[in-house]
Amino acid sequence: MANELFLSVLSTGSGTVAMTLSTAGFRTQISAAGSVELSALHSHGPGSSIVSGLSALNGVTTDGQGVWALLSSKDET
C-alpha cells in the first residue's frame, strides 16, 4: 500500500516525496505527499483500486499534493 501511495505522488514529477506513518490504537495511517498537485489520474489511477480494497478509508490531502490511507486491525461497526 505504501508503494502505491508513493508511486502516485512520485508520478506527478515532485522532486521529493514525504512518507508518514501514524498509529493510534488499532488504526494506522500511511500518507505520501509531494510539492505538485495531483491530477485525477494520479489520485484515482489504477493503484487507487489496490489502496481502496485494502484500506478502511483513503483520500487526497486537503492541499491536493498527497494521498493517504487508513488501515484498521479491528472492525469498527
N, C-alpha and C. Protein backbone atom coordinates (compact mmCIF):
# COMPACT_ATOMS: atom_id res chain seq x y z
N MET A 1 0.82 -1.18 0.00
CA MET A 1 0.00 0.00 0.00
C MET A 1 0.87 1.25 0.00
N ALA A 2 1.90 1.27 0.84
CA ALA A 2 2.79 2.43 0.88
C ALA A 2 3.42 2.67 -0.49
N ASN A 3 3.75 1.59 -1.18
CA ASN A 3 4.33 1.71 -2.52
C ASN A 3 3.36 2.39 -3.48
N GLU A 4 2.10 2.01 -3.47
CA GLU A 4 1.12 2.62 -4.36
C GLU A 4 0.93 4.10 -4.06
N LEU A 5 0.89 4.46 -2.78
CA LEU A 5 0.77 5.88 -2.41
C LEU A 5 2.00 6.65 -2.87
N PHE A 6 3.18 6.07 -2.64
CA PHE A 6 4.44 6.69 -3.04
C PHE A 6 4.48 6.92 -4.55
N LEU A 7 4.13 5.89 -5.32
CA LEU A 7 4.17 6.00 -6.78
C LEU A 7 3.18 7.03 -7.31
N SER A 8 2.02 7.15 -6.67
CA SER A 8 1.04 8.16 -7.09
C SER A 8 1.63 9.56 -7.00
N VAL A 9 2.32 9.84 -5.91
CA VAL A 9 2.91 11.17 -5.72
C VAL A 9 4.16 11.33 -6.59
N LEU A 10 4.99 10.31 -6.67
CA LEU A 10 6.22 10.38 -7.47
C LEU A 10 5.91 10.66 -8.95
N SER A 11 4.83 10.08 -9.44
CA SER A 11 4.49 10.22 -10.86
C SER A 11 4.03 11.64 -11.24
N THR A 12 3.83 12.51 -10.25
CA THR A 12 3.47 13.90 -10.55
C THR A 12 4.69 14.71 -10.99
N GLY A 13 5.88 14.18 -10.74
CA GLY A 13 7.11 14.91 -11.06
C GLY A 13 7.66 15.67 -9.87
N SER A 14 7.08 15.48 -8.71
CA SER A 14 7.56 16.13 -7.50
C SER A 14 9.00 15.71 -7.22
N GLY A 15 9.84 16.67 -6.84
CA GLY A 15 11.24 16.38 -6.55
C GLY A 15 11.45 15.53 -5.31
N THR A 16 10.56 15.64 -4.36
CA THR A 16 10.65 14.85 -3.13
C THR A 16 9.28 14.29 -2.79
N VAL A 17 9.29 13.17 -2.09
CA VAL A 17 8.05 12.56 -1.60
C VAL A 17 8.26 12.29 -0.12
N ALA A 18 7.41 12.85 0.72
CA ALA A 18 7.47 12.63 2.17
C ALA A 18 6.46 11.54 2.52
N MET A 19 6.94 10.49 3.16
CA MET A 19 6.10 9.38 3.60
C MET A 19 5.91 9.50 5.11
N THR A 20 4.68 9.31 5.58
CA THR A 20 4.38 9.40 7.01
C THR A 20 3.58 8.17 7.43
N LEU A 21 3.93 7.64 8.57
CA LEU A 21 3.20 6.52 9.17
C LEU A 21 2.77 6.96 10.56
N SER A 22 1.47 6.96 10.83
CA SER A 22 0.93 7.37 12.13
C SER A 22 0.09 6.23 12.68
N THR A 23 0.18 6.01 13.99
CA THR A 23 -0.62 4.96 14.61
C THR A 23 -1.40 5.52 15.79
N ALA A 24 -2.58 4.93 16.01
CA ALA A 24 -3.42 5.27 17.15
C ALA A 24 -4.30 4.07 17.44
N GLY A 25 -4.00 3.37 18.51
CA GLY A 25 -4.80 2.19 18.84
C GLY A 25 -4.74 1.14 17.75
N PHE A 26 -5.91 0.78 17.23
CA PHE A 26 -6.00 -0.22 16.18
C PHE A 26 -5.83 0.36 14.78
N ARG A 27 -5.60 1.66 14.69
CA ARG A 27 -5.55 2.32 13.38
C ARG A 27 -4.13 2.73 13.00
N THR A 28 -3.85 2.63 11.72
CA THR A 28 -2.58 3.09 11.15
C THR A 28 -2.90 3.91 9.92
N GLN A 29 -2.30 5.08 9.81
CA GLN A 29 -2.48 5.91 8.63
C GLN A 29 -1.15 6.04 7.91
N ILE A 30 -1.16 5.80 6.62
CA ILE A 30 0.01 5.96 5.77
C ILE A 30 -0.30 7.11 4.82
N SER A 31 0.65 8.03 4.67
CA SER A 31 0.43 9.12 3.73
C SER A 31 1.69 9.40 2.94
N ALA A 32 1.50 9.90 1.74
CA ALA A 32 2.60 10.31 0.87
C ALA A 32 2.25 11.70 0.35
N ALA A 33 3.22 12.61 0.39
CA ALA A 33 2.96 13.98 -0.06
C ALA A 33 4.15 14.51 -0.82
N GLY A 34 3.86 15.33 -1.81
CA GLY A 34 4.91 15.95 -2.62
C GLY A 34 4.68 17.44 -2.70
N SER A 35 5.27 18.06 -3.73
CA SER A 35 5.16 19.51 -3.89
C SER A 35 4.35 19.91 -5.12
N VAL A 36 3.77 18.93 -5.80
CA VAL A 36 2.99 19.17 -7.01
C VAL A 36 1.57 18.66 -6.78
N GLU A 37 0.58 19.42 -7.23
CA GLU A 37 -0.81 18.98 -7.07
C GLU A 37 -1.08 17.74 -7.92
N LEU A 38 -1.79 16.78 -7.33
CA LEU A 38 -2.13 15.55 -8.03
C LEU A 38 -3.28 15.77 -9.00
N SER A 39 -3.19 15.17 -10.16
CA SER A 39 -4.31 15.20 -11.10
C SER A 39 -5.24 14.04 -10.76
N ALA A 40 -6.37 13.97 -11.43
CA ALA A 40 -7.31 12.87 -11.20
C ALA A 40 -6.65 11.53 -11.51
N LEU A 41 -5.78 11.48 -12.52
CA LEU A 41 -5.09 10.24 -12.87
C LEU A 41 -4.19 9.77 -11.74
N HIS A 42 -3.49 10.71 -11.08
CA HIS A 42 -2.58 10.34 -10.00
C HIS A 42 -3.32 9.95 -8.73
N SER A 43 -4.45 10.56 -8.47
CA SER A 43 -5.16 10.28 -7.22
C SER A 43 -6.24 9.21 -7.39
N HIS A 44 -6.61 8.89 -8.64
CA HIS A 44 -7.66 7.90 -8.86
C HIS A 44 -7.26 6.89 -9.94
N GLY A 45 -5.97 6.71 -10.13
CA GLY A 45 -5.47 5.80 -11.16
C GLY A 45 -5.58 4.35 -10.76
N PRO A 46 -4.92 3.47 -11.50
CA PRO A 46 -5.01 2.03 -11.25
C PRO A 46 -4.62 1.61 -9.83
N GLY A 47 -3.62 2.26 -9.24
CA GLY A 47 -3.20 1.91 -7.89
C GLY A 47 -4.24 2.24 -6.83
N SER A 48 -5.15 3.15 -7.16
CA SER A 48 -6.16 3.53 -6.16
C SER A 48 -7.11 2.37 -5.86
N SER A 49 -7.31 1.46 -6.81
CA SER A 49 -8.17 0.31 -6.53
C SER A 49 -7.52 -0.62 -5.52
N ILE A 50 -6.21 -0.72 -5.55
CA ILE A 50 -5.48 -1.52 -4.56
C ILE A 50 -5.62 -0.87 -3.19
N VAL A 51 -5.37 0.43 -3.14
CA VAL A 51 -5.47 1.17 -1.87
C VAL A 51 -6.89 1.11 -1.33
N SER A 52 -7.87 1.31 -2.18
CA SER A 52 -9.28 1.27 -1.75
C SER A 52 -9.67 -0.10 -1.21
N GLY A 53 -9.17 -1.15 -1.85
CA GLY A 53 -9.51 -2.50 -1.43
C GLY A 53 -8.90 -2.90 -0.10
N LEU A 54 -7.76 -2.32 0.23
CA LEU A 54 -7.04 -2.71 1.45
C LEU A 54 -7.25 -1.76 2.62
N SER A 55 -7.77 -0.58 2.37
CA SER A 55 -7.90 0.41 3.44
C SER A 55 -9.34 0.58 3.90
N ALA A 56 -9.48 1.05 5.14
CA ALA A 56 -10.81 1.35 5.67
C ALA A 56 -11.32 2.66 5.07
N LEU A 57 -10.43 3.63 4.90
CA LEU A 57 -10.71 4.93 4.29
C LEU A 57 -9.47 5.37 3.54
N ASN A 58 -9.64 6.22 2.53
CA ASN A 58 -8.48 6.78 1.83
C ASN A 58 -8.92 8.05 1.12
N GLY A 59 -7.94 8.86 0.74
CA GLY A 59 -8.29 10.09 0.06
C GLY A 59 -7.09 10.92 -0.30
N VAL A 60 -7.37 12.15 -0.70
CA VAL A 60 -6.36 13.12 -1.09
C VAL A 60 -6.23 14.14 0.04
N THR A 61 -5.01 14.61 0.29
CA THR A 61 -4.81 15.61 1.34
C THR A 61 -5.51 16.91 0.97
N THR A 62 -5.75 17.75 1.96
CA THR A 62 -6.51 18.98 1.74
C THR A 62 -5.83 19.93 0.76
N ASP A 63 -4.50 19.90 0.67
CA ASP A 63 -3.81 20.77 -0.29
C ASP A 63 -3.72 20.15 -1.68
N GLY A 64 -4.18 18.90 -1.83
CA GLY A 64 -4.19 18.25 -3.13
C GLY A 64 -2.84 17.73 -3.58
N GLN A 65 -1.83 17.76 -2.70
CA GLN A 65 -0.49 17.34 -3.07
C GLN A 65 -0.09 15.99 -2.49
N GLY A 66 -1.03 15.28 -1.90
CA GLY A 66 -0.71 13.99 -1.29
C GLY A 66 -1.91 13.08 -1.23
N VAL A 67 -1.64 11.84 -0.89
CA VAL A 67 -2.68 10.84 -0.73
C VAL A 67 -2.46 10.11 0.60
N TRP A 68 -3.53 9.55 1.15
CA TRP A 68 -3.43 8.87 2.44
C TRP A 68 -4.36 7.66 2.45
N ALA A 69 -4.07 6.73 3.36
CA ALA A 69 -4.91 5.56 3.55
C ALA A 69 -4.94 5.22 5.03
N LEU A 70 -6.11 4.87 5.52
CA LEU A 70 -6.29 4.50 6.92
C LEU A 70 -6.54 3.00 6.98
N LEU A 71 -5.74 2.32 7.79
CA LEU A 71 -5.89 0.88 7.98
C LEU A 71 -6.40 0.63 9.39
N SER A 72 -7.16 -0.40 9.56
CA SER A 72 -7.68 -0.74 10.88
C SER A 72 -7.57 -2.25 11.06
N SER A 73 -7.08 -2.66 12.23
CA SER A 73 -6.96 -4.09 12.50
C SER A 73 -8.16 -4.61 13.30
N LYS A 74 -9.16 -3.76 13.52
CA LYS A 74 -10.34 -4.13 14.27
C LYS A 74 -11.56 -3.57 13.55
N ASP A 75 -12.61 -4.37 13.43
CA ASP A 75 -13.84 -3.90 12.79
C ASP A 75 -14.44 -2.77 13.62
N GLU A 76 -14.77 -1.68 12.96
CA GLU A 76 -15.37 -0.52 13.64
C GLU A 76 -16.80 -0.40 13.18
N THR A 77 -17.70 -1.14 13.82
CA THR A 77 -19.11 -1.12 13.43
C THR A 77 -19.95 -0.36 14.41
